[in-house]
N, C-alpha and C. Protein backbone atom coordinates (compact mmCIF):
# COMPACT_ATOMS: atom_id res chain seq x y z
N MET A 1 26.61 34.94 53.20
CA MET A 1 26.14 36.23 52.79
C MET A 1 25.88 36.20 51.29
N VAL A 2 24.81 36.82 50.87
CA VAL A 2 24.42 36.85 49.46
C VAL A 2 24.56 38.28 48.94
N LYS A 3 25.05 38.40 47.72
CA LYS A 3 25.15 39.68 47.05
C LYS A 3 24.65 39.52 45.62
N VAL A 4 24.49 40.64 44.93
CA VAL A 4 24.16 40.54 43.51
C VAL A 4 25.42 40.11 42.77
N SER A 5 25.25 39.38 41.71
CA SER A 5 26.38 38.83 40.96
C SER A 5 27.04 39.89 40.08
N ARG A 6 28.25 39.57 39.66
CA ARG A 6 28.95 40.44 38.71
C ARG A 6 28.17 40.55 37.40
N GLU A 7 27.60 39.45 36.99
CA GLU A 7 26.80 39.44 35.74
C GLU A 7 25.62 40.39 35.87
N PHE A 8 24.95 40.37 37.01
CA PHE A 8 23.81 41.28 37.24
C PHE A 8 24.29 42.72 37.12
N LYS A 9 25.39 43.05 37.81
CA LYS A 9 25.91 44.42 37.77
C LYS A 9 26.32 44.82 36.36
N ALA A 10 26.95 43.90 35.63
CA ALA A 10 27.38 44.19 34.26
C ALA A 10 26.18 44.44 33.35
N ARG A 11 25.18 43.59 33.45
CA ARG A 11 23.99 43.78 32.62
C ARG A 11 23.29 45.09 32.93
N LEU A 12 23.23 45.44 34.20
CA LEU A 12 22.59 46.69 34.61
C LEU A 12 23.36 47.88 34.05
N LYS A 13 24.68 47.81 34.13
CA LYS A 13 25.52 48.92 33.66
C LYS A 13 25.48 49.05 32.13
N LEU A 14 25.45 47.91 31.44
CA LEU A 14 25.52 47.93 29.98
C LEU A 14 24.15 47.97 29.30
N ALA A 15 23.10 48.03 30.09
CA ALA A 15 21.74 48.04 29.52
C ALA A 15 21.54 49.29 28.67
N ASP A 16 20.59 49.20 27.74
CA ASP A 16 20.32 50.34 26.87
C ASP A 16 19.47 51.41 27.54
N GLN A 17 19.10 51.19 28.78
CA GLN A 17 18.33 52.16 29.55
C GLN A 17 19.06 52.46 30.86
N PRO A 18 18.81 53.62 31.43
CA PRO A 18 19.40 53.91 32.74
C PRO A 18 18.85 52.97 33.82
N ALA A 19 19.63 52.76 34.85
CA ALA A 19 19.24 51.84 35.93
C ALA A 19 17.91 52.25 36.57
N TYR A 20 17.65 53.55 36.69
CA TYR A 20 16.40 53.97 37.32
C TYR A 20 15.19 53.55 36.51
N LYS A 21 15.31 53.54 35.19
CA LYS A 21 14.18 53.10 34.35
C LYS A 21 13.98 51.60 34.47
N ILE A 22 15.07 50.86 34.53
CA ILE A 22 14.97 49.40 34.70
C ILE A 22 14.34 49.09 36.05
N ALA A 23 14.76 49.80 37.08
CA ALA A 23 14.16 49.61 38.41
C ALA A 23 12.67 49.88 38.37
N ASN A 24 12.29 50.98 37.74
CA ASN A 24 10.86 51.31 37.65
C ASN A 24 10.08 50.24 36.89
N GLN A 25 10.64 49.73 35.81
CA GLN A 25 9.97 48.66 35.06
C GLN A 25 9.76 47.42 35.91
N ALA A 26 10.70 47.18 36.81
CA ALA A 26 10.63 46.00 37.68
C ALA A 26 9.78 46.25 38.92
N GLY A 27 9.35 47.49 39.11
CA GLY A 27 8.56 47.80 40.30
C GLY A 27 9.42 47.94 41.55
N VAL A 28 10.68 48.32 41.35
CA VAL A 28 11.61 48.48 42.46
C VAL A 28 12.01 49.95 42.53
N ASN A 29 12.07 50.50 43.72
CA ASN A 29 12.51 51.88 43.89
C ASN A 29 13.96 51.99 43.43
N PRO A 30 14.28 52.95 42.55
CA PRO A 30 15.65 53.08 42.05
C PRO A 30 16.69 53.27 43.16
N THR A 31 16.34 53.98 44.21
CA THR A 31 17.27 54.17 45.32
C THR A 31 17.54 52.84 46.02
N THR A 32 16.51 52.05 46.19
CA THR A 32 16.66 50.72 46.81
C THR A 32 17.56 49.85 45.95
N LEU A 33 17.35 49.87 44.64
CA LEU A 33 18.19 49.07 43.75
C LEU A 33 19.65 49.48 43.88
N SER A 34 19.91 50.77 43.91
CA SER A 34 21.28 51.26 44.07
C SER A 34 21.89 50.77 45.38
N LYS A 35 21.13 50.83 46.45
CA LYS A 35 21.63 50.37 47.75
C LYS A 35 21.92 48.87 47.75
N LEU A 36 21.08 48.09 47.08
CA LEU A 36 21.29 46.65 47.00
C LEU A 36 22.54 46.33 46.18
N VAL A 37 22.67 46.98 45.04
CA VAL A 37 23.80 46.72 44.14
C VAL A 37 25.13 47.13 44.78
N ASN A 38 25.12 48.22 45.53
CA ASN A 38 26.35 48.73 46.13
C ASN A 38 26.63 48.19 47.52
N GLY A 39 25.80 47.27 47.99
CA GLY A 39 26.04 46.62 49.27
C GLY A 39 25.68 47.45 50.49
N ILE A 40 24.96 48.54 50.29
CA ILE A 40 24.54 49.38 51.42
C ILE A 40 23.37 48.73 52.15
N GLU A 41 22.48 48.12 51.39
CA GLU A 41 21.36 47.37 51.95
C GLU A 41 21.61 45.88 51.70
N PRO A 42 21.46 45.04 52.71
CA PRO A 42 21.74 43.62 52.51
C PRO A 42 20.76 42.97 51.53
N VAL A 43 21.30 42.04 50.76
CA VAL A 43 20.50 41.26 49.81
C VAL A 43 20.13 39.95 50.49
N ARG A 44 18.86 39.67 50.53
CA ARG A 44 18.40 38.39 51.09
C ARG A 44 18.51 37.30 50.03
N PRO A 45 18.70 36.05 50.44
CA PRO A 45 18.70 34.98 49.45
C PRO A 45 17.40 35.00 48.64
N ASN A 46 17.52 34.93 47.34
CA ASN A 46 16.37 34.98 46.43
C ASN A 46 15.52 36.22 46.62
N ASP A 47 16.14 37.35 46.90
CA ASP A 47 15.46 38.63 47.11
C ASP A 47 14.55 38.93 45.91
N GLU A 48 13.28 39.12 46.19
CA GLU A 48 12.29 39.33 45.14
C GLU A 48 12.60 40.59 44.32
N ARG A 49 13.13 41.61 44.96
CA ARG A 49 13.45 42.85 44.22
C ARG A 49 14.52 42.59 43.18
N ILE A 50 15.54 41.84 43.54
CA ILE A 50 16.62 41.51 42.60
C ILE A 50 16.09 40.58 41.52
N ARG A 51 15.23 39.66 41.89
CA ARG A 51 14.65 38.73 40.91
C ARG A 51 13.85 39.49 39.85
N ARG A 52 13.09 40.50 40.28
CA ARG A 52 12.28 41.27 39.32
C ARG A 52 13.15 42.08 38.37
N VAL A 53 14.21 42.68 38.90
CA VAL A 53 15.14 43.42 38.03
C VAL A 53 15.86 42.46 37.09
N ALA A 54 16.25 41.31 37.60
CA ALA A 54 16.92 40.30 36.76
C ALA A 54 16.02 39.89 35.60
N GLN A 55 14.74 39.77 35.85
CA GLN A 55 13.81 39.40 34.79
C GLN A 55 13.80 40.47 33.69
N VAL A 56 13.80 41.74 34.07
CA VAL A 56 13.85 42.82 33.09
C VAL A 56 15.16 42.76 32.29
N LEU A 57 16.23 42.35 32.96
CA LEU A 57 17.55 42.26 32.32
C LEU A 57 17.76 40.94 31.57
N ASP A 58 16.75 40.11 31.50
CA ASP A 58 16.83 38.79 30.85
C ASP A 58 17.88 37.89 31.50
N LEU A 59 17.95 37.94 32.81
CA LEU A 59 18.83 37.05 33.57
C LEU A 59 17.99 36.01 34.29
N ARG A 60 18.48 34.79 34.34
CA ARG A 60 17.81 33.77 35.15
C ARG A 60 18.05 34.12 36.61
N PRO A 61 17.14 33.80 37.50
CA PRO A 61 17.31 34.15 38.92
C PRO A 61 18.64 33.67 39.50
N GLU A 62 19.06 32.47 39.16
CA GLU A 62 20.31 31.95 39.72
C GLU A 62 21.54 32.72 39.22
N GLU A 63 21.40 33.45 38.12
CA GLU A 63 22.51 34.25 37.61
C GLU A 63 22.61 35.61 38.32
N ALA A 64 21.59 35.99 39.04
CA ALA A 64 21.53 37.31 39.66
C ALA A 64 22.20 37.37 41.03
N PHE A 65 22.43 36.22 41.65
CA PHE A 65 22.95 36.18 43.01
C PHE A 65 24.29 35.46 43.06
N THR A 66 25.09 35.83 44.05
CA THR A 66 26.34 35.12 44.32
C THR A 66 26.51 35.01 45.83
N GLU A 67 27.05 33.90 46.24
CA GLU A 67 27.31 33.67 47.67
C GLU A 67 28.72 34.18 47.96
N VAL A 68 28.86 34.98 48.99
CA VAL A 68 30.15 35.57 49.35
C VAL A 68 30.50 35.15 50.77
N THR A 69 31.72 34.64 50.92
CA THR A 69 32.18 34.28 52.26
C THR A 69 32.82 35.50 52.89
N ARG A 70 32.99 35.46 54.18
CA ARG A 70 33.61 36.58 54.90
C ARG A 70 35.02 36.87 54.37
N GLU A 71 35.73 35.84 53.97
CA GLU A 71 37.09 36.01 53.47
C GLU A 71 37.11 36.72 52.12
N GLN A 72 36.02 36.62 51.36
CA GLN A 72 35.95 37.22 50.03
C GLN A 72 35.47 38.67 50.07
N ASP A 73 34.93 39.12 51.20
CA ASP A 73 34.36 40.45 51.28
C ASP A 73 35.34 41.39 51.99
N PRO A 74 35.95 42.33 51.24
CA PRO A 74 36.93 43.24 51.84
C PRO A 74 36.36 44.06 52.99
N ALA A 75 35.11 44.46 52.92
CA ALA A 75 34.51 45.26 53.99
C ALA A 75 34.44 44.47 55.28
N LEU A 76 34.13 43.19 55.18
CA LEU A 76 34.07 42.36 56.38
C LEU A 76 35.48 42.11 56.93
N MET A 77 36.45 41.97 56.05
CA MET A 77 37.83 41.77 56.49
C MET A 77 38.34 43.01 57.24
N GLU A 78 38.03 44.21 56.74
CA GLU A 78 38.45 45.44 57.40
C GLU A 78 37.81 45.57 58.76
N ALA A 79 36.55 45.23 58.86
CA ALA A 79 35.82 45.32 60.13
C ALA A 79 36.45 44.39 61.16
N ARG A 80 36.87 43.22 60.70
CA ARG A 80 37.48 42.25 61.60
C ARG A 80 38.85 42.72 62.10
N GLN A 81 39.61 43.35 61.21
CA GLN A 81 40.95 43.80 61.56
C GLN A 81 40.93 45.06 62.41
N GLY A 82 39.90 45.90 62.23
CA GLY A 82 39.81 47.18 62.91
C GLY A 82 39.48 47.06 64.32
């Protein structure tokens, strides 16, 4: 499973512009970006939307993504236990 990286989230949060403006600059719907960052919408490997936002944030594409195993994802662990 792929998610956005901590570095991506940190850069987005600490940027000098609101996330919706960064999303618009990247050509990504701000609501979609929020869903991707918060794990509501799944992130595909090398997701073009994340890559475009990463470019606005001056992140290399490989810095924008992280691979997460089922054991590392609390939501997946809860689903398994429930």
